[in-house]
Amino acid sequence: MKNELDNLERALTSPPSLSSLTIKNYLISARIFLNFLGDRLPPSEADLRQFLTQQKEKGIAPQTQNYYLFVLQRLYEANSWNFPLSKEDRPVIFQESATIPFTRAEIRTLVENRENYSKEERFYLALATTLGMSRAELAKVEKKDVKERELRIRPVRHGAGRWALIPDEIAPIIHGYRLKKLNMDTLSVILRRILSKSDLEQTKGHRWHSIRIALFEGLRVALAQNNFPIILADIYLRFNKATIPNRYWAVEGARRYNGIEAIPDEPYALDKIILQVHPFTSFWQS
């Protein structure tokens, strides 16, 4: 296996070379395939198709299946193996419709029907509607991330991870669920189950991000009404910091943007401000 990976690494580092992180990820994916093969080298077409079928059965999304195909093609080329698949073998990726935000009334309906849901479904809905966690963030939550009053939100892509206060209203739900790590496809299934058990019909374009957008807009209104800088909504929901200043210079002006300096320098100061004005936590009260 070492020789095959060394050949791939040399191919990836020759001009034009890729970033060190990309190369590392390629090598990890290639190693998974080589571990699957064992000593069956060079791999047959049946070996390759069996590996890809196995990944599909694990619930890996079409985008990731295509990524594996791309990496493995590079592995084949680096080792002078004939790559037996063509573009027609790639899984079809359907273009998703635009995300449709939930309304405040729809969020209330989702929460108020919580007795119809499993502990697992309540757990993820509670985190999405209060901490505004994205599907990718929800998929990263592990048992060690949940403490008595805090929950660790792990970073995703360009976002920032952090420890956040668990609102009192959802604490019994968070601590009452025996956490197991899920992938993002399973989380999509969970949302569909929640919608089917609520009084809402699933609309094309409704996804976990629909909750996040609803919370973002609700927080902006609530912060402005209470004379807090609305930029706090971006920071609380962990949006990419690089996009924040331009948006607020254009929309709110320097006074709103610089108002962030008024946040007390104390632990969880941002969370404490947000929980004063949060538009959805009251829905979770007994």
C-alpha atoms as a PDB file:
ATOM      1  CA  MET A   1       0.000   0.000   0.000  1.00  0.00           C
ATOM      2  CA  LYS A   2       2.824   2.409   0.810  1.00  0.00           C
ATOM      3  CA  ASN A   3       4.165   2.356  -2.728  1.00  0.00           C
ATOM      4  CA  GLU A   4       0.742   3.064  -4.216  1.00  0.00           C
ATOM      5  CA  LEU A   5       0.146   6.000  -1.850  1.00  0.00           C
ATOM      6  CA  ASP A   6       3.664   7.341  -2.469  1.00  0.00           C
ATOM      7  CA  ASN A   7       2.982   7.292  -6.212  1.00  0.00           C
ATOM      8  CA  LEU A   8      -0.249   9.229  -5.683  1.00  0.00           C
ATOM      9  CA  GLU A   9       1.430  11.785  -3.425  1.00  0.00           C
ATOM     10  CA  ARG A  10       4.173  12.387  -5.994  1.00  0.00           C
ATOM     11  CA  ALA A  11       1.537  12.901  -8.706  1.00  0.00           C
ATOM     12  CA  LEU A  12      -0.377  15.359  -6.528  1.00  0.00           C
ATOM     13  CA  THR A  13       2.686  17.394  -5.535  1.00  0.00           C
ATOM     14  CA  SER A  14       4.069  17.762  -9.058  1.00  0.00           C
ATOM     15  CA  PRO A  15       3.232  21.111 -10.736  1.00  0.00           C
ATOM     16  CA  PRO A  16       0.610  22.433 -10.558  1.00  0.00           C
ATOM     17  CA  SER A  17       0.478  21.168  -6.990  1.00  0.00           C
ATOM     18  CA  LEU A  18      -2.583  21.160  -4.740  1.00  0.00           C
ATOM     19  CA  SER A  19      -2.841  22.522  -1.204  1.00  0.00           C
ATOM     20  CA  SER A  20      -1.384  20.378   1.585  1.00  0.00           C
ATOM     21  CA  LEU A  21      -4.884  19.901   3.078  1.00  0.00           C
ATOM     22  CA  THR A  22      -6.319  18.716  -0.244  1.00  0.00           C
ATOM     23  CA  ILE A  23      -3.443  16.280  -0.725  1.00  0.00           C
ATOM     24  CA  LYS A  24      -3.925  14.942   2.811  1.00  0.00           C
ATOM     25  CA  ASN A  25      -7.649  14.354   2.164  1.00  0.00           C
ATOM     26  CA  TYR A  26      -6.914  12.627  -1.165  1.00  0.00           C
ATOM     27  CA  LEU A  27      -4.460  10.280   0.533  1.00  0.00           C
ATOM     28  CA  ILE A  28      -6.949   9.474   3.301  1.00  0.00           C
ATOM     29  CA  SER A  29      -9.628   8.567   0.737  1.00  0.00           C
ATOM     30  CA  ALA A  30      -7.178   6.512  -1.304  1.00  0.00           C
ATOM     31  CA  ARG A  31      -6.042   4.639   1.814  1.00  0.00           C
ATOM     32  CA  ILE A  32      -9.660   3.668   2.577  1.00  0.00           C
ATOM     33  CA  PHE A  33      -9.913   2.083  -0.881  1.00  0.00           C
ATOM     34  CA  LEU A  34      -6.556   0.321  -0.575  1.00  0.00           C
ATOM     35  CA  ASN A  35      -7.497  -1.064   2.847  1.00  0.00           C
ATOM     36  CA  PHE A  36     -10.664  -2.429   1.251  1.00  0.00           C
ATOM     37  CA  LEU A  37      -8.600  -4.128  -1.480  1.00  0.00           C
ATOM     38  CA  GLY A  38      -6.036  -5.746   0.790  1.00  0.00           C
ATOM     39  CA  ASP A  39      -3.550  -7.561  -1.458  1.00  0.00           C
ATOM     40  CA  ARG A  40      -5.799  -7.563  -4.547  1.00  0.00           C
ATOM     41  CA  LEU A  41      -3.552  -5.336  -6.676  1.00  0.00           C
ATOM     42  CA  PRO A  42      -4.047  -4.081  -9.242  1.00  0.00           C
ATOM     43  CA  PRO A  43      -7.778  -3.830  -8.519  1.00  0.00           C
ATOM     44  CA  SER A  44     -10.305  -5.339 -10.895  1.00  0.00           C
ATOM     45  CA  GLU A  45     -13.370  -3.499 -12.181  1.00  0.00           C
ATOM     46  CA  ALA A  46     -15.495  -5.706  -9.894  1.00  0.00           C
ATOM     47  CA  ASP A  47     -13.394  -4.597  -6.888  1.00  0.00           C
ATOM     48  CA  LEU A  48     -13.920  -0.946  -7.724  1.00  0.00           C
ATOM     49  CA  ARG A  49     -17.661  -1.297  -8.257  1.00  0.00           C
ATOM     50  CA  GLN A  50     -18.023  -3.326  -5.053  1.00  0.00           C
ATOM     51  CA  PHE A  51     -16.218  -0.609  -3.086  1.00  0.00           C
ATOM     52  CA  LEU A  52     -18.431   2.144  -4.512  1.00  0.00           C
ATOM     53  CA  THR A  53     -21.572   0.096  -3.819  1.00  0.00           C
ATOM     54  CA  GLN A  54     -20.406  -0.398  -0.234  1.00  0.00           C
ATOM     55  CA  GLN A  55     -19.944   3.351   0.224  1.00  0.00           C
ATOM     56  CA  LYS A  56     -23.405   4.003  -1.215  1.00  0.00           C
ATOM     57  CA  GLU A  57     -24.954   1.482   1.193  1.00  0.00           C
ATOM     58  CA  LYS A  58     -23.345   3.369   4.090  1.00  0.00           C
ATOM     59  CA  GLY A  59     -25.476   6.375   3.147  1.00  0.00           C
ATOM     60  CA  ILE A  60     -22.748   8.464   1.510  1.00  0.00           C
ATOM     61  CA  ALA A  61     -24.264  11.239  -0.594  1.00  0.00           C
ATOM     62  CA  PRO A  62     -23.875  11.368  -4.413  1.00  0.00           C
ATOM     63  CA  GLN A  63     -21.491  14.335  -4.092  1.00  0.00           C
ATOM     64  CA  THR A  64     -19.164  12.275  -1.900  1.00  0.00           C
ATOM     65  CA  GLN A  65     -19.458   9.269  -4.224  1.00  0.00           C
ATOM     66  CA  ASN A  66     -18.310  11.503  -7.081  1.00  0.00           C
ATOM     67  CA  TYR A  67     -15.432  12.756  -4.936  1.00  0.00           C
ATOM     68  CA  TYR A  68     -14.309   9.153  -4.340  1.00  0.00           C
ATOM     69  CA  LEU A  69     -14.446   8.469  -8.056  1.00  0.00           C
ATOM     70  CA  PHE A  70     -12.281  11.514  -8.796  1.00  0.00           C
ATOM     71  CA  VAL A  71      -9.698  10.591  -6.147  1.00  0.00           C
ATOM     72  CA  LEU A  72      -9.573   6.960  -7.225  1.00  0.00           C
ATOM     73  CA  GLN A  73      -9.101   7.951 -10.847  1.00  0.00           C
ATOM     74  CA  ARG A  74      -6.044   9.946  -9.750  1.00  0.00           C
ATOM     75  CA  LEU A  75      -4.828   6.908  -7.777  1.00  0.00           C
ATOM     76  CA  TYR A  76      -5.209   4.693 -10.843  1.00  0.00           C
ATOM     77  CA  GLU A  77      -3.373   7.147 -13.085  1.00  0.00           C
ATOM     78  CA  ALA A  78      -0.521   7.546 -10.572  1.00  0.00           C
ATOM     79  CA  ASN A  79       0.002   3.776 -10.512  1.00  0.00           C
ATOM     80  CA  SER A  80      -0.496   3.197 -14.265  1.00  0.00           C
ATOM     81  CA  TRP A  81      -3.689   1.186 -13.738  1.00  0.00           C
ATOM     82  CA  ASN A  82      -6.460   1.288 -16.326  1.00  0.00           C
ATOM     83  CA  PHE A  83      -9.434   3.153 -14.841  1.00  0.00           C
ATOM     84  CA  PRO A  84     -12.477   1.159 -16.069  1.00  0.00           C
ATOM     85  CA  LEU A  85     -15.294   3.627 -15.366  1.00  0.00           C
ATOM     86  CA  SER A  86     -16.616   6.540 -17.422  1.00  0.00           C
ATOM     87  CA  LYS A  87     -18.679   9.662 -16.804  1.00  0.00           C
ATOM     88  CA  GLU A  88     -21.840   7.594 -17.239  1.00  0.00           C
ATOM     89  CA  ASP A  89     -20.925   5.681 -14.055  1.00  0.00           C
ATOM     90  CA  ARG A  90     -21.030   8.790 -11.900  1.00  0.00           C
ATOM     91  CA  PRO A  91     -24.132   9.178  -9.694  1.00  0.00           C
ATOM     92  CA  VAL A  92     -26.571  11.878 -10.742  1.00  0.00           C
ATOM     93  CA  ILE A  93     -26.587  14.946  -8.486  1.00  0.00           C
ATOM     94  CA  PHE A  94     -29.949  16.643  -8.605  1.00  0.00           C
ATOM     95  CA  GLN A  95     -29.978  20.419  -8.250  1.00  0.00           C
ATOM     96  CA  GLU A  96     -31.659  21.306  -4.977  1.00  0.00           C
ATOM     97  CA  SER A  97     -34.409  23.880  -4.978  1.00  0.00           C
ATOM     98  CA  ALA A  98     -33.828  27.148  -3.171  1.00  0.00           C
ATOM     99  CA  THR A  99     -34.162  27.003   0.598  1.00  0.00           C
ATOM    100  CA  ILE A 100     -37.546  28.261   1.820  1.00  0.00           C
ATOM    101  CA  PRO A 101     -37.405  29.702   5.353  1.00  0.00           C
ATOM    102  CA  PHE A 102     -39.965  28.598   7.922  1.00  0.00           C
ATOM    103  CA  THR A 103     -42.206  31.333   9.281  1.00  0.00           C
ATOM    104  CA  ARG A 104     -42.370  32.083  12.995  1.00  0.00           C
ATOM    105  CA  ALA A 105     -45.791  30.403  13.110  1.00  0.00           C
ATOM    106  CA  GLU A 106     -44.376  27.282  11.434  1.00  0.00           C
ATOM    107  CA  ILE A 107     -41.505  27.097  13.922  1.00  0.00           C
ATOM    108  CA  ARG A 108     -44.048  27.331  16.748  1.00  0.00           C
ATOM    109  CA  THR A 109     -46.059  24.502  15.171  1.00  0.00           C
ATOM    110  CA  LEU A 110     -42.949  22.319  14.845  1.00  0.00           C
ATOM    111  CA  VAL A 111     -42.049  22.836  18.505  1.00  0.00           C
ATOM    112  CA  GLU A 112     -45.571  22.536  19.904  1.00  0.00           C
ATOM    113  CA  ASN A 113     -45.962  19.107  18.290  1.00  0.00           C
ATOM    114  CA  ARG A 114     -42.847  17.813  20.064  1.00  0.00           C
ATOM    115  CA  GLU A 115     -44.732  15.134  22.001  1.00  0.00           C
ATOM    116  CA  ASN A 116     -45.244  13.378  18.660  1.00  0.00           C
ATOM    117  CA  TYR A 117     -41.495  13.084  18.110  1.00  0.00           C
ATOM    118  CA  SER A 118     -38.877  10.627  19.344  1.00  0.00           C
ATOM    119  CA  LYS A 119     -36.185  11.762  21.788  1.00  0.00           C
ATOM    120  CA  GLU A 120     -33.758  11.874  18.878  1.00  0.00           C
ATOM    121  CA  GLU A 121     -36.043  14.086  16.799  1.00  0.00           C
ATOM    122  CA  ARG A 122     -36.692  16.459  19.728  1.00  0.00           C
ATOM    123  CA  PHE A 123     -32.950  16.681  20.441  1.00  0.00           C
ATOM    124  CA  TYR A 124     -31.992  17.875  16.964  1.00  0.00           C
ATOM    125  CA  LEU A 125     -35.011  20.144  16.551  1.00  0.00           C
ATOM    126  CA  ALA A 126     -34.225  21.794  19.897  1.00  0.00           C
ATOM    127  CA  LEU A 127     -30.624  22.520  18.866  1.00  0.00           C
ATOM    128  CA  ALA A 128     -31.661  23.837  15.455  1.00  0.00           C
ATOM    129  CA  THR A 129     -34.371  26.182  16.750  1.00  0.00           C
ATOM    130  CA  THR A 130     -32.397  27.601  19.692  1.00  0.00           C
ATOM    131  CA  LEU A 131     -28.690  27.488  18.805  1.00  0.00           C
ATOM    132  CA  GLY A 132     -29.347  27.774  15.070  1.00  0.00           C
ATOM    133  CA  MET A 133     -27.109  24.831  14.261  1.00  0.00           C
ATOM    134  CA  SER A 134     -26.752  23.853  10.626  1.00  0.00           C
ATOM    135  CA  ARG A 135     -27.162  20.279   9.402  1.00  0.00           C
ATOM    136  CA  ALA A 136     -23.370  19.898   9.213  1.00  0.00           C
ATOM    137  CA  GLU A 137     -22.968  21.201  12.772  1.00  0.00           C
ATOM    138  CA  LEU A 138     -25.690  18.865  14.036  1.00  0.00           C
ATOM    139  CA  ALA A 139     -23.919  15.929  12.411  1.00  0.00           C
ATOM    140  CA  LYS A 140     -20.703  16.747  14.281  1.00  0.00           C
ATOM    141  CA  VAL A 141     -22.177  16.726  17.804  1.00  0.00           C
ATOM    142  CA  GLU A 142     -20.665  14.050  20.036  1.00  0.00           C
ATOM    143  CA  LYS A 143     -21.380  12.940  23.596  1.00  0.00           C
ATOM    144  CA  LYS A 144     -18.282  14.734  24.902  1.00  0.00           C
ATOM    145  CA  ASP A 145     -19.576  18.007  23.420  1.00  0.00           C
ATOM    146  CA  VAL A 146     -22.532  18.151  25.829  1.00  0.00           C
ATOM    147  CA  LYS A 147     -21.927  19.406  29.358  1.00  0.00           C
ATOM    148  CA  GLU A 148     -24.347  20.453  32.095  1.00  0.00           C
ATOM    149  CA  ARG A 149     -24.941  23.994  30.813  1.00  0.00           C
ATOM    150  CA  GLU A 150     -22.826  24.211  27.659  1.00  0.00           C
ATOM    151  CA  LEU A 151     -22.657  22.527  24.280  1.00  0.00           C
ATOM    152  CA  ARG A 152     -19.719  22.618  21.925  1.00  0.00           C
ATOM    153  CA  ILE A 153     -20.559  23.612  18.352  1.00  0.00           C
ATOM    154  CA  ARG A 154     -17.754  22.263  16.187  1.00  0.00           C
ATOM    155  CA  PRO A 155     -16.457  24.362  13.274  1.00  0.00           C
ATOM    156  CA  VAL A 156     -17.604  23.559   9.756  1.00  0.00           C
ATOM    157  CA  ARG A 157     -15.695  24.736   6.661  1.00  0.00           C
ATOM    158  CA  HIS A 158     -15.005  28.449   7.103  1.00  0.00           C
ATOM    159  CA  GLY A 159     -17.210  28.886  10.159  1.00  0.00           C
ATOM    160  CA  ALA A 160     -16.103  29.282  13.737  1.00  0.00           C
ATOM    161  CA  GLY A 161     -16.772  26.706  16.404  1.00  0.00           C
ATOM    162  CA  ARG A 162     -17.440  27.609  20.018  1.00  0.00           C
ATOM    163  CA  TRP A 163     -19.008  26.596  23.312  1.00  0.00           C
ATOM    164  CA  ALA A 164     -22.569  27.890  23.664  1.00  0.00           C
ATOM    165  CA  LEU A 165     -24.969  28.067  26.580  1.00  0.00           C
ATOM    166  CA  ILE A 166     -27.779  25.516  26.496  1.00  0.00           C
ATOM    167  CA  PRO A 167     -31.063  27.434  27.006  1.00  0.00           C
ATOM    168  CA  ASP A 168     -32.875  26.311  30.161  1.00  0.00           C
ATOM    169  CA  GLU A 169     -36.004  25.595  28.124  1.00  0.00           C
ATOM    170  CA  ILE A 170     -34.346  22.759  26.178  1.00  0.00           C
ATOM    171  CA  ALA A 171     -31.936  21.427  28.825  1.00  0.00           C
ATOM    172  CA  PRO A 172     -34.171  18.430  29.778  1.00  0.00           C
ATOM    173  CA  ILE A 173     -34.410  17.425  26.102  1.00  0.00           C
ATOM    174  CA  ILE A 174     -30.664  17.736  25.524  1.00  0.00           C
ATOM    175  CA  HIS A 175     -29.727  15.738  28.618  1.00  0.00           C
ATOM    176  CA  GLY A 176     -32.535  13.215  28.135  1.00  0.00           C
ATOM    177  CA  TYR A 177     -31.228  11.892  24.825  1.00  0.00           C
ATOM    178  CA  ARG A 178     -28.491   9.276  24.566  1.00  0.00           C
ATOM    179  CA  LEU A 179     -26.454  10.855  21.816  1.00  0.00           C
ATOM    180  CA  LYS A 180     -25.163   8.894  18.853  1.00  0.00           C
ATOM    181  CA  LYS A 181     -23.311  10.496  15.988  1.00  0.00           C
ATOM    182  CA  LEU A 182     -25.257  10.668  12.714  1.00  0.00           C
ATOM    183  CA  ASN A 183     -24.372  11.584   9.152  1.00  0.00           C
ATOM    184  CA  MET A 184     -26.016  14.448   7.286  1.00  0.00           C
ATOM    185  CA  ASP A 185     -28.202  12.211   5.126  1.00  0.00           C
ATOM    186  CA  THR A 186     -29.722  10.662   8.254  1.00  0.00           C
ATOM    187  CA  LEU A 187     -30.404  14.132   9.626  1.00  0.00           C
ATOM    188  CA  SER A 188     -32.350  14.965   6.474  1.00  0.00           C
ATOM    189  CA  VAL A 189     -34.458  11.863   7.082  1.00  0.00           C
ATOM    190  CA  ILE A 190     -35.037  12.991  10.689  1.00  0.00           C
ATOM    191  CA  LEU A 191     -36.334  16.369   9.510  1.00  0.00           C
ATOM    192  CA  ARG A 192     -38.726  14.660   7.093  1.00  0.00           C
ATOM    193  CA  ARG A 193     -40.006  12.519   9.963  1.00  0.00           C
ATOM    194  CA  ILE A 194     -40.513  15.610  12.136  1.00  0.00           C
ATOM    195  CA  LEU A 195     -42.473  17.338   9.396  1.00  0.00           C
ATOM    196  CA  SER A 196     -44.633  14.279   8.792  1.00  0.00           C
ATOM    197  CA  LYS A 197     -45.464  14.060  12.518  1.00  0.00           C
ATOM    198  CA  SER A 198     -46.264  17.765  12.864  1.00  0.00           C
ATOM    199  CA  ASP A 199     -49.231  19.623  11.439  1.00  0.00           C
ATOM    200  CA  LEU A 200     -47.030  20.908   8.628  1.00  0.00           C
ATOM    201  CA  GLU A 201     -46.708  19.440   5.176  1.00  0.00           C
ATOM    202  CA  GLN A 202     -43.184  19.283   3.827  1.00  0.00           C
ATOM    203  CA  THR A 203     -42.714  21.891   1.137  1.00  0.00           C
ATOM    204  CA  LYS A 204     -40.040  21.544  -1.502  1.00  0.00           C
ATOM    205  CA  GLY A 205     -37.193  23.702  -0.275  1.00  0.00           C
ATOM    206  CA  HIS A 206     -37.779  23.100   3.449  1.00  0.00           C
ATOM    207  CA  ARG A 207     -34.621  21.774   5.099  1.00  0.00           C
ATOM    208  CA  TRP A 208     -32.602  22.317   8.283  1.00  0.00           C
ATOM    209  CA  HIS A 209     -31.288  25.569   6.833  1.00  0.00           C
ATOM    210  CA  SER A 210     -34.896  26.802   6.683  1.00  0.00           C
ATOM    211  CA  ILE A 211     -34.874  26.862  10.508  1.00  0.00           C
ATOM    212  CA  ARG A 212     -31.510  28.627  10.593  1.00  0.00           C
ATOM    213  CA  ILE A 213     -32.714  31.390   8.266  1.00  0.00           C
ATOM    214  CA  ALA A 214     -35.916  31.831  10.283  1.00  0.00           C
ATOM    215  CA  LEU A 215     -33.890  32.216  13.472  1.00  0.00           C
ATOM    216  CA  PHE A 216     -31.462  34.639  11.828  1.00  0.00           C
ATOM    217  CA  GLU A 217     -34.263  36.922  10.641  1.00  0.00           C
ATOM    218  CA  GLY A 218     -36.107  36.653  13.964  1.00  0.00           C
ATOM    219  CA  LEU A 219     -32.972  37.531  15.919  1.00  0.00           C
ATOM    220  CA  ARG A 220     -32.222  40.560  13.738  1.00  0.00           C
ATOM    221  CA  VAL A 221     -35.668  41.990  14.416  1.00  0.00           C
ATOM    222  CA  ALA A 222     -35.547  41.220  18.141  1.00  0.00           C
ATOM    223  CA  LEU A 223     -32.052  42.692  18.556  1.00  0.00           C
ATOM    224  CA  ALA A 224     -33.002  45.907  16.744  1.00  0.00           C
ATOM    225  CA  GLN A 225     -36.171  46.273  18.827  1.00  0.00           C
ATOM    226  CA  ASN A 226     -34.088  46.008  21.984  1.00  0.00           C
ATOM    227  CA  ASN A 227     -31.350  48.384  20.812  1.00  0.00           C
ATOM    228  CA  PHE A 228     -28.676  45.728  20.379  1.00  0.00           C
ATOM    229  CA  PRO A 229     -26.432  45.611  17.277  1.00  0.00           C
ATOM    230  CA  ILE A 230     -28.039  43.241  14.779  1.00  0.00           C
ATOM    231  CA  ILE A 231     -24.573  41.968  13.825  1.00  0.00           C
ATOM    232  CA  LEU A 232     -24.881  39.806  16.947  1.00  0.00           C
ATOM    233  CA  ALA A 233     -27.212  37.522  14.988  1.00  0.00           C
ATOM    234  CA  ASP A 234     -24.391  36.755  12.516  1.00  0.00           C
ATOM    235  CA  ILE A 235     -21.901  36.093  15.284  1.00  0.00           C
ATOM    236  CA  TYR A 236     -24.269  33.931  17.328  1.00  0.00           C
ATOM    237  CA  LEU A 237     -25.062  31.819  14.256  1.00  0.00           C
ATOM    238  CA  ARG A 238     -21.357  31.601  13.352  1.00  0.00           C
ATOM    239  CA  PHE A 239     -21.540  33.062   9.857  1.00  0.00           C
ATOM    240  CA  ASN A 240     -18.292  33.668   7.990  1.00  0.00           C
ATOM    241  CA  LYS A 241     -16.734  36.749   9.576  1.00  0.00           C
ATOM    242  CA  ALA A 242     -15.280  37.897   6.262  1.00  0.00           C
ATOM    243  CA  THR A 243     -18.768  38.661   4.941  1.00  0.00           C
ATOM    244  CA  ILE A 244     -20.038  40.557   7.974  1.00  0.00           C
ATOM    245  CA  PRO A 245     -18.458  44.061   7.786  1.00  0.00           C
ATOM    246  CA  ASN A 246     -19.449  44.798   4.180  1.00  0.00           C
ATOM    247  CA  ARG A 247     -23.024  43.733   4.828  1.00  0.00           C
ATOM    248  CA  TYR A 248     -23.386  45.970   7.849  1.00  0.00           C
ATOM    249  CA  TRP A 249     -21.618  49.001   6.431  1.00  0.00           C
ATOM    250  CA  ALA A 250     -24.116  48.894   3.593  1.00  0.00           C
ATOM    251  CA  VAL A 251     -27.245  48.143   5.568  1.00  0.00           C
ATOM    252  CA  GLU A 252     -26.830  49.395   9.098  1.00  0.00           C
ATOM    253  CA  GLY A 253     -23.964  51.823   9.001  1.00  0.00           C
ATOM    254  CA  ALA A 254     -20.949  52.182  11.252  1.00  0.00           C
ATOM    255  CA  ARG A 255     -22.956  52.847  14.410  1.00  0.00           C
ATOM    256  CA  ARG A 256     -24.648  49.443  14.326  1.00  0.00           C
ATOM    257  CA  TYR A 257     -21.467  47.616  13.390  1.00  0.00           C
ATOM    258  CA  ASN A 258     -19.290  49.276  16.029  1.00  0.00           C
ATOM    259  CA  GLY A 259     -21.944  48.667  18.654  1.00  0.00           C
ATOM    260  CA  ILE A 260     -20.474  45.209  19.167  1.00  0.00           C
ATOM    261  CA  GLU A 261     -17.800  46.840  21.312  1.00  0.00           C
ATOM    262  CA  ALA A 262     -20.438  47.341  23.998  1.00  0.00           C
ATOM    263  CA  ILE A 263     -20.678  43.595  24.706  1.00  0.00           C
ATOM    264  CA  PRO A 264     -19.334  42.892  28.218  1.00  0.00           C
ATOM    265  CA  ASP A 265     -16.016  41.064  28.391  1.00  0.00           C
ATOM    266  CA  GLU A 266     -17.276  38.082  30.349  1.00  0.00           C
ATOM    267  CA  PRO A 267     -17.956  34.397  29.649  1.00  0.00           C
ATOM    268  CA  TYR A 268     -20.997  33.772  27.449  1.00  0.00           C
ATOM    269  CA  ALA A 269     -21.852  37.474  27.258  1.00  0.00           C
ATOM    270  CA  LEU A 270     -23.142  37.063  23.696  1.00  0.00           C
ATOM    271  CA  ASP A 271     -25.308  34.067  24.638  1.00  0.00           C
ATOM    272  CA  LYS A 272     -26.805  35.942  27.579  1.00  0.00           C
ATOM    273  CA  ILE A 273     -27.778  38.851  25.336  1.00  0.00           C
ATOM    274  CA  ILE A 274     -29.251  36.560  22.680  1.00  0.00           C
ATOM    275  CA  LEU A 275     -31.274  34.566  25.201  1.00  0.00           C
ATOM    276  CA  GLN A 276     -32.873  37.806  26.417  1.00  0.00           C
ATOM    277  CA  VAL A 277     -34.422  38.391  22.995  1.00  0.00           C
ATOM    278  CA  HIS A 278     -34.482  34.915  21.424  1.00  0.00           C
ATOM    279  CA  PRO A 279     -37.643  34.545  19.293  1.00  0.00           C
ATOM    280  CA  PHE A 280     -38.093  30.764  19.650  1.00  0.00           C
ATOM    281  CA  THR A 281     -36.923  29.557  23.091  1.00  0.00           C
ATOM    282  CA  SER A 282     -40.265  30.406  24.707  1.00  0.00           C
ATOM    283  CA  PHE A 283     -41.925  27.845  22.411  1.00  0.00           C
ATOM    284  CA  TRP A 284     -40.062  25.125  24.351  1.00  0.00           C
ATOM    285  CA  GLN A 285     -41.401  26.101  27.756  1.00  0.00           C
ATOM    286  CA  SER A 286     -43.464  23.399  29.460  1.00  0.00           C
END
